[in-house]
C-alpha atoms as a PDB file:
ATOM      1  CA  MET A   1      -0.590 -66.315   5.607  1.00  0.00           C
ATOM      2  CA  PRO A   2      -0.154 -69.986   6.897  1.00  0.00           C
ATOM      3  CA  ARG A   3      -3.639 -71.576   8.136  1.00  0.00           C
ATOM      4  CA  ILE A   4      -4.279 -74.036  10.931  1.00  0.00           C
ATOM      5  CA  ASN A   5      -7.720 -75.437  10.312  1.00  0.00           C
ATOM      6  CA  ALA A   6      -7.222 -78.313  13.077  1.00  0.00           C
ATOM      7  CA  ALA A   7      -9.552 -77.603  15.674  1.00  0.00           C
ATOM      8  CA  LEU A   8      -7.378 -77.099  18.961  1.00  0.00           C
ATOM      9  CA  ASP A   9      -9.653 -76.195  21.304  1.00  0.00           C
ATOM     10  CA  ASP A  10     -11.121 -78.677  23.663  1.00  0.00           C
ATOM     11  CA  ARG A  11      -9.735 -81.713  21.523  1.00  0.00           C
ATOM     12  CA  GLN A  12     -11.994 -81.930  18.688  1.00  0.00           C
ATOM     13  CA  ALA A  13      -9.997 -84.087  16.163  1.00  0.00           C
ATOM     14  CA  GLU A  14     -12.737 -86.839  16.949  1.00  0.00           C
ATOM     15  CA  TYR A  15     -14.980 -84.910  14.875  1.00  0.00           C
ATOM     16  CA  GLN A  16     -12.425 -83.963  12.074  1.00  0.00           C
ATOM     17  CA  PRO A  17     -12.134 -87.190   9.554  1.00  0.00           C
ATOM     18  CA  ASN A  18      -9.104 -86.125   8.107  1.00  0.00           C
ATOM     19  CA  MET A  19      -7.109 -85.378  11.225  1.00  0.00           C
ATOM     20  CA  VAL A  20      -5.077 -88.158  13.587  1.00  0.00           C
ATOM     21  CA  GLU A  21      -4.444 -87.930  17.106  1.00  0.00           C
ATOM     22  CA  PHE A  22      -1.734 -89.330  18.511  1.00  0.00           C
ATOM     23  CA  GLU A  23      -0.188 -89.562  22.023  1.00  0.00           C
ATOM     24  CA  GLY A  24       3.745 -88.972  22.233  1.00  0.00           C
ATOM     25  CA  LYS A  25       6.776 -87.753  24.287  1.00  0.00           C
ATOM     26  CA  ILE A  26       9.382 -85.041  24.602  1.00  0.00           C
ATOM     27  CA  SER A  27      11.632 -86.929  26.895  1.00  0.00           C
ATOM     28  CA  ASP A  28      10.110 -87.553  29.353  1.00  0.00           C
ATOM     29  CA  LEU A  29       6.925 -85.135  28.908  1.00  0.00           C
ATOM     30  CA  SER A  30       3.720 -87.120  27.442  1.00  0.00           C
ATOM     31  CA  VAL A  31       2.498 -84.591  24.613  1.00  0.00           C
ATOM     32  CA  ALA A  32      -0.735 -84.669  22.546  1.00  0.00           C
ATOM     33  CA  VAL A  33      -0.084 -84.468  19.042  1.00  0.00           C
ATOM     34  CA  LEU A  34      -2.176 -83.916  16.370  1.00  0.00           C
ATOM     35  CA  ILE A  35      -1.508 -84.526  12.497  1.00  0.00           C
ATOM     36  CA  ASP A  36      -3.463 -82.379  10.391  1.00  0.00           C
ATOM     37  CA  PRO A  37      -3.014 -82.253   6.524  1.00  0.00           C
ATOM     38  CA  ARG A  38      -5.019 -79.195   6.350  1.00  0.00           C
ATOM     39  CA  ALA A  39      -2.502 -77.422   8.826  1.00  0.00           C
ATOM     40  CA  THR A  40       0.309 -75.490   6.347  1.00  0.00           C
ATOM     41  CA  LEU A  41       3.560 -75.990   9.202  1.00  0.00           C
ATOM     42  CA  SER A  42       4.150 -77.564  12.157  1.00  0.00           C
ATOM     43  CA  TYR A  43       3.973 -76.078  15.814  1.00  0.00           C
ATOM     44  CA  VAL A  44       4.886 -76.439  19.220  1.00  0.00           C
ATOM     45  CA  SER A  45       2.891 -75.171  22.302  1.00  0.00           C
ATOM     46  CA  PRO A  46       4.734 -72.603  24.166  1.00  0.00           C
ATOM     47  CA  LYS A  47       4.344 -74.686  27.433  1.00  0.00           C
ATOM     48  CA  VAL A  48       7.003 -77.547  25.853  1.00  0.00           C
ATOM     49  CA  VAL A  49       9.311 -75.091  24.619  1.00  0.00           C
ATOM     50  CA  GLU A  50       9.251 -73.532  28.828  1.00  0.00           C
ATOM     51  CA  HIS A  51       9.473 -76.884  30.757  1.00  0.00           C
ATOM     52  CA  TYR A  52      12.274 -77.860  28.570  1.00  0.00           C
ATOM     53  CA  LYS A  53      14.307 -74.469  28.592  1.00  0.00           C
ATOM     54  CA  LEU A  54      14.215 -74.784  24.873  1.00  0.00           C
ATOM     55  CA  GLN A  55      16.123 -71.745  23.440  1.00  0.00           C
ATOM     56  CA  PRO A  56      13.783 -70.784  20.221  1.00  0.00           C
ATOM     57  CA  VAL A  57      15.411 -69.275  17.603  1.00  0.00           C
ATOM     58  CA  LYS A  58      13.510 -65.946  16.841  1.00  0.00           C
ATOM     59  CA  PHE A  59      12.295 -64.546  13.556  1.00  0.00           C
ATOM     60  CA  LYS A  60      13.189 -61.845  12.361  1.00  0.00           C
ATOM     61  CA  ASN A  61      10.145 -60.929  10.939  1.00  0.00           C
ATOM     62  CA  PRO A  62       7.443 -62.550  12.925  1.00  0.00           C
ATOM     63  CA  TRP A  63       4.469 -63.248  10.989  1.00  0.00           C
ATOM     64  CA  LEU A  64       0.434 -64.155  11.481  1.00  0.00           C
ATOM     65  CA  VAL A  65      -0.841 -67.580  11.190  1.00  0.00           C
ATOM     66  CA  GLN A  66      -4.576 -67.903  11.224  1.00  0.00           C
ATOM     67  CA  ARG A  67      -6.358 -70.713  13.213  1.00  0.00           C
ATOM     68  CA  ALA A  68      -9.699 -72.595  12.728  1.00  0.00           C
ATOM     69  CA  THR A  69     -11.537 -70.060  14.766  1.00  0.00           C
ATOM     70  CA  ARG A  70     -10.421 -67.485  12.814  1.00  0.00           C
ATOM     71  CA  ALA A  71      -8.281 -66.005  15.435  1.00  0.00           C
ATOM     72  CA  LYS A  72      -4.641 -64.617  14.139  1.00  0.00           C
ATOM     73  CA  ARG A  73      -1.645 -65.150  16.012  1.00  0.00           C
ATOM     74  CA  ARG A  74       1.452 -63.663  15.734  1.00  0.00           C
ATOM     75  CA  VAL A  75       4.301 -66.600  15.535  1.00  0.00           C
ATOM     76  CA  LEU A  76       7.680 -65.586  16.555  1.00  0.00           C
ATOM     77  CA  ALA A  77       9.889 -68.098  16.859  1.00  0.00           C
ATOM     78  CA  LYS A  78      10.876 -71.667  15.666  1.00  0.00           C
ATOM     79  CA  ILE A  79      12.631 -74.699  17.243  1.00  0.00           C
ATOM     80  CA  ASN A  80      14.778 -76.541  14.664  1.00  0.00           C
ATOM     81  CA  ASN A  81      15.689 -80.231  14.039  1.00  0.00           C
ATOM     82  CA  TYR A  82      13.333 -81.033  17.278  1.00  0.00           C
ATOM     83  CA  PRO A  83      13.216 -84.781  18.023  1.00  0.00           C
ATOM     84  CA  LEU A  84      10.158 -86.325  19.453  1.00  0.00           C
ATOM     85  CA  THR A  85       8.486 -89.652  20.020  1.00  0.00           C
ATOM     86  CA  ILE A  86       4.963 -90.255  18.371  1.00  0.00           C
ATOM     87  CA  ALA A  87       3.261 -93.664  18.647  1.00  0.00           C
ATOM     88  CA  GLY A  88       6.597 -94.895  19.440  1.00  0.00           C
ATOM     89  CA  GLN A  89       8.001 -93.631  16.360  1.00  0.00           C
ATOM     90  CA  LEU A  90      11.000 -91.187  16.867  1.00  0.00           C
ATOM     91  CA  VAL A  91      10.578 -88.229  14.575  1.00  0.00           C
ATOM     92  CA  VAL A  92      12.451 -85.048  14.107  1.00  0.00           C
ATOM     93  CA  ALA A  93      10.231 -81.760  13.152  1.00  0.00           C
ATOM     94  CA  TYR A  94      10.707 -78.280  12.459  1.00  0.00           C
ATOM     95  CA  LEU A  95       8.537 -76.651  14.763  1.00  0.00           C
ATOM     96  CA  ASN A  96       6.940 -72.869  15.026  1.00  0.00           C
ATOM     97  CA  VAL A  97       6.212 -72.139  18.679  1.00  0.00           C
ATOM     98  CA  LEU A  98       2.133 -71.218  19.130  1.00  0.00           C
ATOM     99  CA  PRO A  99      -0.659 -71.878  21.598  1.00  0.00           C
ATOM    100  CA  LEU A 100      -2.191 -74.383  20.770  1.00  0.00           C
ATOM    101  CA  GLY A 101      -5.214 -75.227  22.852  1.00  0.00           C
ATOM    102  CA  SER A 102      -5.471 -78.668  23.976  1.00  0.00           C
ATOM    103  CA  TYR A 103      -2.655 -80.075  21.853  1.00  0.00           C
ATOM    104  CA  ASN A 104       1.161 -80.129  22.824  1.00  0.00           C
ATOM    105  CA  VAL A 105       1.880 -80.419  19.352  1.00  0.00           C
ATOM    106  CA  LEU A 106       1.191 -80.051  15.464  1.00  0.00           C
ATOM    107  CA  ILE A 107       2.602 -81.585  12.591  1.00  0.00           C
ATOM    108  CA  GLY A 108       1.365 -80.294   9.067  1.00  0.00           C
ATOM    109  CA  MET A 109       2.008 -80.225   5.893  1.00  0.00           C
ATOM    110  CA  ASP A 110       5.484 -79.660   5.860  1.00  0.00           C
ATOM    111  CA  TRP A 111       6.184 -82.562   7.708  1.00  0.00           C
ATOM    112  CA  LEU A 112       4.194 -84.760   5.830  1.00  0.00           C
ATOM    113  CA  GLU A 113       5.628 -83.779   2.830  1.00  0.00           C
ATOM    114  CA  LYS A 114       9.131 -83.896   3.695  1.00  0.00           C
ATOM    115  CA  HIS A 115       8.511 -87.988   4.334  1.00  0.00           C
ATOM    116  CA  TRP A 116       5.985 -88.443   1.467  1.00  0.00           C
ATOM    117  CA  SER A 117       3.485 -88.855   3.759  1.00  0.00           C
ATOM    118  CA  LEU A 118      -0.355 -91.327   3.267  1.00  0.00           C
ATOM    119  CA  VAL A 119      -3.025 -90.524   6.105  1.00  0.00           C
ATOM    120  CA  ASN A 120      -5.563 -93.234   6.050  1.00  0.00           C
ATOM    121  CA  CYS A 121      -8.645 -91.184   7.773  1.00  0.00           C
ATOM    122  CA  LYS A 122     -10.105 -94.500   7.523  1.00  0.00           C
ATOM    123  CA  THR A 123      -8.159 -96.283   9.894  1.00  0.00           C
ATOM    124  CA  LYS A 124      -6.557 -93.205  11.109  1.00  0.00           C
ATOM    125  CA  THR A 125      -2.966 -94.629  10.525  1.00  0.00           C
ATOM    126  CA  ILE A 126       0.101 -92.536   9.208  1.00  0.00           C
ATOM    127  CA  TYR A 127       2.359 -93.982   6.177  1.00  0.00           C
ATOM    128  CA  TYR A 128       5.654 -92.687   5.479  1.00  0.00           C
ATOM    129  CA  LYS A 129       9.182 -92.579   4.606  1.00  0.00           C
ATOM    130  CA  TYR A 130      12.002 -91.455   6.689  1.00  0.00           C
ATOM    131  CA  ASP A 131      15.923 -90.386   5.741  1.00  0.00           C
ATOM    132  CA  PHE A 132      16.829 -93.205   4.057  1.00  0.00           C
ATOM    133  CA  GLY A 133      13.553 -94.233   2.376  1.00  0.00           C
ATOM    134  CA  GLU A 134      12.554 -96.593   4.834  1.00  0.00           C
ATOM    135  CA  LYS A 135       8.578 -97.092   5.189  1.00  0.00           C
ATOM    136  CA  GLN A 136       7.183 -96.760   8.322  1.00  0.00           C
ATOM    137  CA  GLU A 137       3.763 -96.743   9.552  1.00  0.00           C
ATOM    138  CA  MET A 138       2.148 -94.695  12.926  1.00  0.00           C
ATOM    139  CA  GLN A 139      -1.300 -95.971  14.072  1.00  0.00           C
ATOM    140  CA  GLY A 140      -3.297 -92.742  15.787  1.00  0.00           C
ATOM    141  CA  ILE A 141      -6.080 -93.062  18.597  1.00  0.00           C
ATOM    142  CA  LYS A 142      -9.098 -94.392  16.553  1.00  0.00           C
ATOM    143  CA  ARG A 143     -11.954 -91.858  17.341  1.00  0.00           C
ATOM    144  CA  PRO A 144     -15.390 -92.235  15.913  1.00  0.00           C
ATOM    145  CA  VAL A 145     -16.421 -89.477  13.954  1.00  0.00           C
END
């Protein structure tokens, strides 16, 4: 079962040294983004889906995900190849639709692995490669641990 280990409620990422918070944008909407290498997959809040009247693709066989609180939630739909801006960088992600508490988007190992990412927990910087091997970096919000 895929997991979300992130502290998703009350923006508790500042207490988690291996997670990085970012400010992002989806079109004109400012969004709170959490990058969590311990999350198996990436997710978007139903609020974002509703705001943009997106048409998610429903899964034939919905599946369960376990949140950090140990609560299990059913994942019913996905948004394929969705563009968003994280720390000024345009990224495209496959996003499962799931309530995320205080965050709008959670980027997990699926995106991090696809882009050969490195997470510098000390500086809250993500280094990654994009489509043609271009090296990129995103500076997260620095929070005390």
